[in-house]
Amino acid sequence: MRICAEFMGECELDTFITAFRLGARFMLDTFPSDDAPFEGFLEE
């Protein structure tokens, strides 16, 4: 049973790391640059 628990712990850690990296990629895709896409609307 101890081996099974160790294996499950490793799987959970791997799943967390994969999900964290995916979330970070979503954030990078959402905010690609610091430039406002509609700067003309901000000036009015």
PDB file of N, CA and C in Angstrom:
ATOM      1  N   MET A   1       0.814  -1.186   0.000  1.00  0.00           N
ATOM      2  CA  MET A   1       0.000   0.000   0.000  1.00  0.00           C
ATOM      3  C   MET A   1       0.865   1.259   0.000  1.00  0.00           C
ATOM      4  N   ARG A   2       2.048   1.173   0.599  1.00  0.00           N
ATOM      5  CA  ARG A   2       2.941   2.332   0.658  1.00  0.00           C
ATOM      6  C   ARG A   2       3.413   2.732  -0.737  1.00  0.00           C
ATOM      7  N   ILE A   3       3.689   1.765  -1.583  1.00  0.00           N
ATOM      8  CA  ILE A   3       4.148   2.049  -2.946  1.00  0.00           C
ATOM      9  C   ILE A   3       3.047   2.742  -3.731  1.00  0.00           C
ATOM     10  N   CYS A   4       1.816   2.284  -3.539  1.00  0.00           N
ATOM     11  CA  CYS A   4       0.679   2.903  -4.225  1.00  0.00           C
ATOM     12  C   CYS A   4       0.523   4.360  -3.800  1.00  0.00           C
ATOM     13  N   ALA A   5       0.679   4.651  -2.515  1.00  0.00           N
ATOM     14  CA  ALA A   5       0.560   6.018  -2.010  1.00  0.00           C
ATOM     15  C   ALA A   5       1.664   6.907  -2.576  1.00  0.00           C
ATOM     16  N   GLU A   6       2.874   6.377  -2.657  1.00  0.00           N
ATOM     17  CA  GLU A   6       3.974   7.142  -3.248  1.00  0.00           C
ATOM     18  C   GLU A   6       3.705   7.442  -4.708  1.00  0.00           C
ATOM     19  N   PHE A   7       3.213   6.449  -5.427  1.00  0.00           N
ATOM     20  CA  PHE A   7       2.910   6.625  -6.855  1.00  0.00           C
ATOM     21  C   PHE A   7       1.818   7.676  -7.046  1.00  0.00           C
ATOM     22  N   MET A   8       0.784   7.629  -6.222  1.00  0.00           N
ATOM     23  CA  MET A   8      -0.302   8.605  -6.328  1.00  0.00           C
ATOM     24  C   MET A   8       0.196  10.011  -6.004  1.00  0.00           C
ATOM     25  N   GLY A   9       1.090  10.120  -5.054  1.00  0.00           N
ATOM     26  CA  GLY A   9       1.671  11.419  -4.728  1.00  0.00           C
ATOM     27  C   GLY A   9       2.451  11.986  -5.893  1.00  0.00           C
ATOM     28  N   GLU A  10       3.221  11.137  -6.559  1.00  0.00           N
ATOM     29  CA  GLU A  10       3.985  11.580  -7.733  1.00  0.00           C
ATOM     30  C   GLU A  10       3.059  11.995  -8.863  1.00  0.00           C
ATOM     31  N   CYS A  11       1.984  11.253  -9.056  1.00  0.00           N
ATOM     32  CA  CYS A  11       1.024  11.583 -10.110  1.00  0.00           C
ATOM     33  C   CYS A  11       0.340  12.916  -9.834  1.00  0.00           C
ATOM     34  N   GLU A  12      -0.027  13.152  -8.577  1.00  0.00           N
ATOM     35  CA  GLU A  12      -0.669  14.407  -8.211  1.00  0.00           C
ATOM     36  C   GLU A  12       0.273  15.584  -8.403  1.00  0.00           C
ATOM     37  N   LEU A  13       1.525  15.413  -8.067  1.00  0.00           N
ATOM     38  CA  LEU A  13       2.505  16.475  -8.252  1.00  0.00           C
ATOM     39  C   LEU A  13       2.693  16.768  -9.733  1.00  0.00           C
ATOM     40  N   ASP A  14       2.786  15.734 -10.544  1.00  0.00           N
ATOM     41  CA  ASP A  14       2.946  15.904 -11.987  1.00  0.00           C
ATOM     42  C   ASP A  14       1.726  16.609 -12.586  1.00  0.00           C
ATOM     43  N   THR A  15       0.542  16.251 -12.130  1.00  0.00           N
ATOM     44  CA  THR A  15      -0.676  16.891 -12.616  1.00  0.00           C
ATOM     45  C   THR A  15      -0.704  18.359 -12.231  1.00  0.00           C
ATOM     46  N   PHE A  16      -0.296  18.679 -11.009  1.00  0.00           N
ATOM     47  CA  PHE A  16      -0.263  20.074 -10.572  1.00  0.00           C
ATOM     48  C   PHE A  16       0.713  20.893 -11.415  1.00  0.00           C
ATOM     49  N   ILE A  17       1.890  20.363 -11.653  1.00  0.00           N
ATOM     50  CA  ILE A  17       2.891  21.091 -12.434  1.00  0.00           C
ATOM     51  C   ILE A  17       2.400  21.331 -13.855  1.00  0.00           C
ATOM     52  N   THR A  18       1.792  20.310 -14.457  1.00  0.00           N
ATOM     53  CA  THR A  18       1.270  20.451 -15.815  1.00  0.00           C
ATOM     54  C   THR A  18       0.171  21.509 -15.868  1.00  0.00           C
ATOM     55  N   ALA A  19      -0.746  21.494 -14.909  1.00  0.00           N
ATOM     56  CA  ALA A  19      -1.834  22.466 -14.882  1.00  0.00           C
ATOM     57  C   ALA A  19      -1.302  23.874 -14.617  1.00  0.00           C
ATOM     58  N   PHE A  20      -0.306  24.002 -13.760  1.00  0.00           N
ATOM     59  CA  PHE A  20       0.276  25.316 -13.476  1.00  0.00           C
ATOM     60  C   PHE A  20       0.923  25.898 -14.726  1.00  0.00           C
ATOM     61  N   ARG A  21       1.657  25.082 -15.458  1.00  0.00           N
ATOM     62  CA  ARG A  21       2.287  25.552 -16.699  1.00  0.00           C
ATOM     63  C   ARG A  21       1.243  25.947 -17.735  1.00  0.00           C
ATOM     64  N   LEU A  22       0.159  25.170 -17.836  1.00  0.00           N
ATOM     65  CA  LEU A  22      -0.914  25.496 -18.764  1.00  0.00           C
ATOM     66  C   LEU A  22      -1.555  26.833 -18.396  1.00  0.00           C
ATOM     67  N   GLY A  23      -1.795  27.059 -17.110  1.00  0.00           N
ATOM     68  CA  GLY A  23      -2.352  28.329 -16.660  1.00  0.00           C
ATOM     69  C   GLY A  23      -1.426  29.499 -16.958  1.00  0.00           C
ATOM     70  N   ALA A  24      -0.132  29.287 -16.786  1.00  0.00           N
ATOM     71  CA  ALA A  24       0.833  30.347 -17.086  1.00  0.00           C
ATOM     72  C   ALA A  24       0.835  30.670 -18.578  1.00  0.00           C
ATOM     73  N   ARG A  25       0.702  29.652 -19.414  1.00  0.00           N
ATOM     74  CA  ARG A  25       0.629  29.899 -20.867  1.00  0.00           C
ATOM     75  C   ARG A  25      -0.632  30.646 -21.240  1.00  0.00           C
ATOM     76  N   PHE A  26      -1.761  30.337 -20.581  1.00  0.00           N
ATOM     77  CA  PHE A  26      -2.988  31.089 -20.825  1.00  0.00           C
ATOM     78  C   PHE A  26      -2.796  32.556 -20.459  1.00  0.00           C
ATOM     79  N   MET A  27      -2.124  32.817 -19.358  1.00  0.00           N
ATOM     80  CA  MET A  27      -1.887  34.199 -18.950  1.00  0.00           C
ATOM     81  C   MET A  27      -0.999  34.927 -19.951  1.00  0.00           C
ATOM     82  N   LEU A  28       0.027  34.268 -20.443  1.00  0.00           N
ATOM     83  CA  LEU A  28       0.909  34.897 -21.425  1.00  0.00           C
ATOM     84  C   LEU A  28       0.182  35.168 -22.729  1.00  0.00           C
ATOM     85  N   ASP A  29      -0.719  34.286 -23.138  1.00  0.00           N
ATOM     86  CA  ASP A  29      -1.485  34.499 -24.359  1.00  0.00           C
ATOM     87  C   ASP A  29      -2.515  35.612 -24.185  1.00  0.00           C
ATOM     88  N   THR A  30      -3.023  35.767 -22.973  1.00  0.00           N
ATOM     89  CA  THR A  30      -4.035  36.787 -22.717  1.00  0.00           C
ATOM     90  C   THR A  30      -3.426  38.178 -22.690  1.00  0.00           C
ATOM     91  N   PHE A  31      -2.230  38.303 -22.146  1.00  0.00           N
ATOM     92  CA  PHE A  31      -1.574  39.594 -22.031  1.00  0.00           C
ATOM     93  C   PHE A  31      -0.252  39.584 -22.808  1.00  0.00           C
ATOM     94  N   PRO A  32      -0.327  39.632 -24.152  1.00  0.00           N
ATOM     95  CA  PRO A  32       0.907  39.515 -24.939  1.00  0.00           C
ATOM     96  C   PRO A  32       1.803  40.751 -24.892  1.00  0.00           C
ATOM     97  N   SER A  33       1.229  41.951 -24.647  1.00  0.00           N
ATOM     98  CA  SER A  33       2.067  43.146 -24.617  1.00  0.00           C
ATOM     99  C   SER A  33       1.462  44.171 -23.668  1.00  0.00           C
ATOM    100  N   ASP A  34       2.214  45.228 -23.416  1.00  0.00           N
ATOM    101  CA  ASP A  34       1.757  46.295 -22.530  1.00  0.00           C
ATOM    102  C   ASP A  34       0.964  47.363 -23.283  1.00  0.00           C
ATOM    103  N   ASP A  35       0.945  47.314 -24.619  1.00  0.00           N
ATOM    104  CA  ASP A  35       0.256  48.324 -25.417  1.00  0.00           C
ATOM    105  C   ASP A  35      -1.247  48.115 -25.367  1.00  0.00           C
ATOM    106  N   ALA A  36      -1.984  49.202 -25.189  1.00  0.00           N
ATOM    107  CA  ALA A  36      -3.443  49.125 -25.210  1.00  0.00           C
ATOM    108  C   ALA A  36      -3.895  48.995 -26.666  1.00  0.00           C
ATOM    109  N   PRO A  37      -4.777  48.060 -26.981  1.00  0.00           N
ATOM    110  CA  PRO A  37      -5.182  47.866 -28.380  1.00  0.00           C
ATOM    111  C   PRO A  37      -6.026  49.018 -28.921  1.00  0.00           C
ATOM    112  N   PHE A  38      -6.712  49.759 -28.064  1.00  0.00           N
ATOM    113  CA  PHE A  38      -7.578  50.851 -28.516  1.00  0.00           C
ATOM    114  C   PHE A  38      -7.171  52.139 -27.813  1.00  0.00           C
ATOM    115  N   GLU A  39      -5.984  52.619 -28.108  1.00  0.00           N
ATOM    116  CA  GLU A  39      -5.469  53.792 -27.419  1.00  0.00           C
ATOM    117  C   GLU A  39      -6.281  55.033 -27.747  1.00  0.00           C
ATOM    118  N   GLY A  40      -6.901  55.092 -28.926  1.00  0.00           N
ATOM    119  CA  GLY A  40      -7.719  56.242 -29.313  1.00  0.00           C
ATOM    120  C   GLY A  40      -8.909  56.433 -28.399  1.00  0.00           C
ATOM    121  N   PHE A  41      -9.486  55.355 -27.918  1.00  0.00           N
ATOM    122  CA  PHE A  41     -10.631  55.458 -27.023  1.00  0.00           C
ATOM    123  C   PHE A  41     -10.225  55.956 -25.639  1.00  0.00           C
ATOM    124  N   LEU A  42      -8.982  55.716 -25.255  1.00  0.00           N
ATOM    125  CA  LEU A  42      -8.522  56.164 -23.938  1.00  0.00           C
ATOM    126  C   LEU A  42      -8.305  57.670 -23.911  1.00  0.00           C
ATOM    127  N   GLU A  43      -8.007  58.297 -25.057  1.00  0.00           N
ATOM    128  CA  GLU A  43      -7.702  59.719 -25.112  1.00  0.00           C
ATOM    129  C   GLU A  43      -8.960  60.578 -25.074  1.00  0.00           C
ATOM    130  N   GLU A  44     -10.098  60.036 -25.454  1.00  0.00           N
ATOM    131  CA  GLU A  44     -11.332  60.833 -25.536  1.00  0.00           C
ATOM    132  C   GLU A  44     -11.900  61.163 -24.222  1.00  0.00           C
TER     133      GLU A  44
END
